[in-house]
Amino acid sequence: MKRLTFALWLGIAPISALADSTNCHYNAPSVEDISATMHRAQLLKQELERQPETIAVLVRQGQDMSSRDLTWSHAGYAVRHSNGDWHIFHNLNICGTASSSLYIQGLYEFLADELVNQNIAILRPRAELVESLKDILRSPVKLNLFHSRRYNLIAWPFAGPYQNSNGWLLEIFARANDAQIWSRNDARRWLKKANYQPSVVNVSGLEKLGAKLFASNIYTDDQPDEFLSQGKVGLNSGDSVIHFISRYSRPVADCEHQTLGNAVCVFLP
């Protein structure tokens, strides 16, 4: 099956970016897996179309982060096009390296990997933000303006040269709220002023050493000294994305909310 993955700008070689984008050892799925994922993608499409918005934020559970008291890992913008197709705009780490790229994928690709849980959190930004997001997501210049190829899984949200996948989504969201934002620094200042709260997790000295020696996509030099001295790091997680963007999303009554509030629908395939 031809994978529907597109590079977002010329000059970047497209790769087959899976849900677990750190793993580039591609194993062909079985016919049964393809069929099941296609079915889930169709159900997700139907769920998205139960509401009128043409843009939503989708958050998935790509890894098991329960040991960090986190549930959700990665977010992207779902956009419905005039032909009825939905595509996901998101930032993906390239094969566990220190680089990332922006991609447009179908709903199938967003679901097509060994996710730890198939539930998807859906947030529907308010109408005025939908219009702003449409303008940004149609512009490769604006999309790239807020992207850094220097990937760091635990990038500090408010400073430094790095960015993780959710950081790009949040910085785009900042621009949607304020048309005067024209740089990553402006976007991060807006997020801080808006009281965005990153996820703060504990890390052991052994983990920090292991990351320094063996991981190409984890750095701590952008973290606040007071966090590191306490054995902690702050990062943009799927959980922190949900908690923040739900403040700017409209309530939806007829859906499963779990404990996430009435502006978050949890798709249960």
Protein backbone atom coordinates (compact mmCIF):
# COMPACT_ATOMS: atom_id res chain seq x y z
CA MET A 1 0.00 0.00 0.00
CA LYS A 2 1.34 3.38 -0.96
CA ARG A 3 1.72 5.54 2.15
CA LEU A 4 0.04 8.93 1.90
CA THR A 5 2.84 10.98 3.41
CA PHE A 6 3.92 14.26 1.82
CA ALA A 7 6.84 16.56 2.58
CA LEU A 8 5.51 20.01 3.32
CA TRP A 9 8.02 21.95 1.29
CA LEU A 10 10.38 21.36 -1.64
CA GLY A 11 13.91 20.27 -0.87
CA ILE A 12 13.04 17.85 1.94
CA ALA A 13 13.15 14.19 1.01
CA PRO A 14 9.90 12.58 2.16
CA ILE A 15 10.22 9.66 4.55
CA SER A 16 7.61 7.18 5.68
CA ALA A 17 6.83 8.92 8.96
CA LEU A 18 4.98 6.57 11.25
CA ALA A 19 3.24 7.27 14.52
CA ASP A 20 6.42 6.14 16.24
CA SER A 21 8.60 8.40 14.14
CA THR A 22 11.75 7.46 16.07
CA ASN A 23 11.65 3.98 14.53
CA CYS A 24 12.63 3.84 10.85
CA HIS A 25 12.83 0.06 10.68
CA TYR A 26 9.58 -0.37 8.80
CA ASN A 27 7.72 -3.64 9.23
CA ALA A 28 4.99 -4.21 6.67
CA PRO A 29 1.61 -4.53 8.42
CA SER A 30 -0.55 -7.56 7.90
CA VAL A 31 -3.71 -7.40 5.81
CA GLU A 32 -5.67 -7.66 9.05
CA ASP A 33 -3.82 -4.72 10.60
CA ILE A 34 -4.35 -2.59 7.49
CA SER A 35 -8.04 -3.39 7.46
CA ALA A 36 -8.44 -2.64 11.17
CA THR A 37 -6.59 0.68 10.90
CA MET A 38 -8.60 1.70 7.83
CA HIS A 39 -11.77 0.95 9.77
CA ARG A 40 -10.60 3.06 12.73
CA ALA A 41 -9.67 5.89 10.35
CA GLN A 42 -13.15 5.81 8.83
CA LEU A 43 -14.72 5.89 12.30
CA LEU A 44 -12.49 8.81 13.28
CA LYS A 45 -13.54 10.65 10.10
CA GLN A 46 -17.17 10.12 11.01
CA GLU A 47 -16.51 11.38 14.53
CA LEU A 48 -14.80 14.52 13.23
CA GLU A 49 -17.71 15.19 10.87
CA ARG A 50 -20.30 14.98 13.64
CA GLN A 51 -19.35 18.60 14.36
CA PRO A 52 -19.17 21.51 11.89
CA GLU A 53 -15.54 22.59 12.40
CA THR A 54 -13.12 22.03 9.53
CA ILE A 55 -10.09 22.15 11.86
CA ALA A 56 -9.54 20.19 15.05
CA VAL A 57 -6.60 19.30 17.27
CA LEU A 58 -6.00 15.55 17.60
CA VAL A 59 -3.86 14.06 20.37
CA ARG A 60 -2.81 10.42 20.45
CA GLN A 61 -1.12 7.97 22.82
CA GLY A 62 1.97 6.86 20.95
CA GLN A 63 4.05 5.68 23.90
CA ASP A 64 3.38 4.37 27.38
CA MET A 65 4.28 7.31 29.63
CA SER A 66 2.38 6.18 32.71
CA SER A 67 5.65 6.00 34.67
CA ARG A 68 5.86 9.79 34.19
CA ASP A 69 2.20 10.28 35.16
CA LEU A 70 1.46 11.26 31.55
CA THR A 71 -1.09 9.76 29.16
CA TRP A 72 -1.00 11.64 25.86
CA SER A 73 2.09 11.95 23.69
CA HIS A 74 1.67 13.73 20.36
CA ALA A 75 -0.67 16.29 18.77
CA GLY A 76 -1.45 17.51 15.26
CA TYR A 77 -3.91 19.71 13.41
CA ALA A 78 -6.63 17.83 11.52
CA VAL A 79 -7.87 19.81 8.51
CA ARG A 80 -10.85 19.00 6.30
CA HIS A 81 -10.35 19.96 2.67
CA SER A 82 -13.00 20.96 0.16
CA ASN A 83 -13.09 17.42 -1.30
CA GLY A 84 -13.99 16.00 2.13
CA ASP A 85 -10.59 14.48 2.89
CA TRP A 86 -8.96 15.08 6.27
CA HIS A 87 -5.21 15.57 6.64
CA ILE A 88 -3.02 15.89 9.72
CA PHE A 89 -0.42 18.69 9.84
CA HIS A 90 2.29 17.87 12.37
CA ASN A 91 5.97 17.86 13.25
CA LEU A 92 7.80 14.54 13.45
CA ASN A 93 11.20 13.51 14.73
CA ILE A 94 13.22 11.79 12.01
CA CYS A 95 14.28 8.29 13.03
CA GLY A 96 15.53 9.16 16.50
CA THR A 97 17.99 11.76 15.18
CA ALA A 98 18.38 15.38 16.29
CA SER A 99 16.23 16.57 13.37
CA SER A 100 12.54 16.95 12.62
CA SER A 101 10.37 17.79 9.62
CA LEU A 102 6.82 18.95 9.03
CA TYR A 103 4.44 16.48 7.40
CA ILE A 104 0.93 16.19 6.07
CA GLN A 105 -0.61 12.74 6.58
CA GLY A 106 -3.99 11.10 6.24
CA LEU A 107 -6.01 9.84 9.17
CA TYR A 108 -4.82 6.32 8.37
CA GLU A 109 -1.16 7.29 8.86
CA PHE A 110 -1.96 9.10 12.10
CA LEU A 111 -3.32 5.82 13.47
CA ALA A 112 -1.09 3.34 11.61
CA ASP A 113 1.43 2.19 14.16
CA GLU A 114 1.69 0.35 17.44
CA LEU A 115 0.05 3.01 19.57
CA VAL A 116 -0.23 2.02 23.21
CA ASN A 117 -3.90 3.02 23.14
CA GLN A 118 -6.17 3.75 20.19
CA ASN A 119 -8.08 6.53 21.97
CA ILE A 120 -7.77 9.96 20.34
CA ALA A 121 -8.48 13.24 22.14
CA ILE A 122 -10.30 15.77 19.92
CA LEU A 123 -10.39 19.50 20.63
CA ARG A 124 -12.31 22.02 18.51
CA PRO A 125 -10.81 25.53 18.72
CA ARG A 126 -13.30 28.39 18.78
CA ALA A 127 -14.53 29.80 15.46
CA GLU A 128 -12.23 32.83 15.33
CA LEU A 129 -9.20 30.59 15.90
CA VAL A 130 -10.32 28.18 13.18
CA GLU A 131 -10.19 31.00 10.65
CA SER A 132 -6.73 32.06 11.83
CA LEU A 133 -5.46 28.48 11.75
CA LYS A 134 -6.78 28.04 8.20
CA ASP A 135 -4.72 31.03 7.10
CA ILE A 136 -1.56 29.70 8.76
CA LEU A 137 -1.93 26.09 7.64
CA ARG A 138 -2.35 27.22 4.03
CA SER A 139 0.97 29.08 4.17
CA PRO A 140 4.24 27.08 3.99
CA VAL A 141 6.08 30.29 4.91
CA LYS A 142 4.18 30.67 8.18
CA LEU A 143 4.38 26.96 8.99
CA ASN A 144 8.13 26.96 8.58
CA LEU A 145 8.55 30.27 10.39
CA PHE A 146 7.67 28.50 13.64
CA HIS A 147 9.57 25.28 12.96
CA SER A 148 13.04 24.36 14.14
CA ARG A 149 14.71 21.29 12.68
CA ARG A 150 16.75 20.99 15.91
CA TYR A 151 14.63 18.34 17.62
CA ASN A 152 14.72 17.64 21.34
CA LEU A 153 12.22 15.25 22.88
CA ILE A 154 12.25 17.25 26.13
CA ALA A 155 12.73 20.73 24.66
CA TRP A 156 12.10 23.48 27.23
CA PRO A 157 8.96 25.24 25.95
CA PHE A 158 9.98 28.87 26.54
CA ALA A 159 13.59 29.22 25.34
CA GLY A 160 16.48 27.54 23.58
CA PRO A 161 17.20 26.46 20.04
CA TYR A 162 15.30 23.16 20.21
CA GLN A 163 11.72 22.13 19.58
CA ASN A 164 9.70 18.98 20.08
CA SER A 165 6.66 18.00 18.03
CA ASN A 166 4.11 19.55 20.35
CA GLY A 167 6.18 22.72 20.62
CA TRP A 168 5.61 23.43 16.93
CA LEU A 169 1.85 22.94 17.30
CA LEU A 170 1.73 25.28 20.31
CA GLU A 171 3.77 27.98 18.61
CA ILE A 172 1.43 27.83 15.59
CA PHE A 173 -1.46 28.12 18.05
CA ALA A 174 0.11 31.23 19.57
CA ARG A 175 0.29 32.81 16.10
CA ALA A 176 -3.39 31.97 15.53
CA ASN A 177 -4.21 33.98 18.65
CA ASP A 178 -2.02 36.98 17.79
CA ALA A 179 -1.32 38.05 14.20
CA GLN A 180 1.57 40.23 15.43
CA ILE A 181 3.64 37.15 16.29
CA TRP A 182 6.35 36.64 13.67
CA SER A 183 9.01 34.56 15.41
CA ARG A 184 9.42 31.54 17.65
CA ASN A 185 10.53 33.81 20.49
CA ASP A 186 7.38 35.91 20.11
CA ALA A 187 5.26 32.76 20.15
CA ARG A 188 6.96 31.39 23.26
CA ARG A 189 6.59 34.71 25.06
CA TRP A 190 2.88 34.62 24.23
CA LEU A 191 2.56 31.08 25.61
CA LYS A 192 4.27 32.10 28.84
CA LYS A 193 2.08 35.20 29.20
CA ALA A 194 -1.00 33.06 28.53
CA ASN A 195 0.06 30.83 31.45
CA TYR A 196 0.78 27.74 29.42
CA GLN A 197 1.99 25.06 31.84
CA PRO A 198 4.44 22.45 30.54
CA SER A 199 4.51 18.96 31.97
CA VAL A 200 7.20 18.58 34.64
CA VAL A 201 8.61 15.08 35.11
CA ASN A 202 11.27 13.52 37.29
CA VAL A 203 14.48 12.21 35.73
CA SER A 204 17.22 10.34 37.50
CA GLY A 205 20.92 11.06 37.18
CA LEU A 206 21.34 7.71 35.43
CA GLU A 207 18.68 8.64 32.90
CA LYS A 208 20.36 11.97 32.19
CA LEU A 209 23.70 10.24 31.71
CA GLY A 210 22.17 7.59 29.46
CA ALA A 211 20.47 10.26 27.34
CA LYS A 212 23.74 12.17 26.99
CA LEU A 213 25.69 9.07 25.96
CA PHE A 214 23.21 7.19 23.81
CA ALA A 215 20.28 9.39 22.70
CA SER A 216 20.61 11.66 19.69
CA ASN A 217 17.32 13.46 20.31
CA ILE A 218 17.43 14.33 24.02
CA TYR A 219 19.24 17.37 25.46
CA THR A 220 19.01 19.09 28.82
CA ASP A 221 21.12 22.21 28.21
CA ASP A 222 18.01 24.34 27.56
CA GLN A 223 16.33 23.32 30.84
CA PRO A 224 16.16 25.76 33.80
CA ASP A 225 18.95 25.13 36.30
CA GLU A 226 16.47 25.00 39.17
CA PHE A 227 14.65 22.11 37.48
CA LEU A 228 17.80 20.14 36.75
CA SER A 229 19.06 20.61 40.31
CA GLN A 230 15.81 19.01 41.53
CA GLY A 231 16.05 16.12 39.07
CA LYS A 232 13.23 17.44 36.88
CA VAL A 233 12.65 18.57 33.30
CA GLY A 234 9.79 20.49 31.72
CA LEU A 235 8.42 19.63 28.29
CA ASN A 236 5.50 19.98 25.90
CA SER A 237 3.50 16.77 26.28
CA GLY A 238 0.17 15.74 24.82
CA ASP A 239 -1.28 16.23 28.31
CA SER A 240 -0.08 19.82 28.53
CA VAL A 241 -1.37 20.52 25.00
CA ILE A 242 -4.82 19.25 25.97
CA HIS A 243 -4.96 21.23 29.21
CA PHE A 244 -3.96 24.45 27.46
CA ILE A 245 -5.85 24.29 24.17
CA SER A 246 -9.05 23.15 25.90
CA ARG A 247 -9.21 26.68 27.35
CA TYR A 248 -9.57 27.99 23.79
CA SER A 249 -11.94 25.29 22.52
CA ARG A 250 -15.71 25.11 22.52
CA PRO A 251 -17.60 22.64 24.72
CA VAL A 252 -19.14 19.62 23.01
CA ALA A 253 -21.93 17.92 24.92
CA ASP A 254 -22.53 14.65 23.10
CA CYS A 255 -19.23 12.81 23.49
CA GLU A 256 -17.01 10.96 25.95
CA HIS A 257 -14.97 13.41 28.04
CA GLN A 258 -13.32 11.06 30.56
CA THR A 259 -11.71 13.45 33.09
CA LEU A 260 -10.55 16.03 30.52
CA GLY A 261 -13.41 18.53 30.65
CA ASN A 262 -16.30 19.33 28.34
CA ALA A 263 -14.11 20.85 25.60
CA VAL A 264 -12.33 17.53 24.97
CA CYS A 265 -13.95 14.56 23.25
CA VAL A 266 -12.22 11.21 23.53
CA PHE A 267 -12.69 9.06 20.44
CA LEU A 268 -13.02 5.42 21.50
CA PRO A 269 -12.72 3.20 18.39
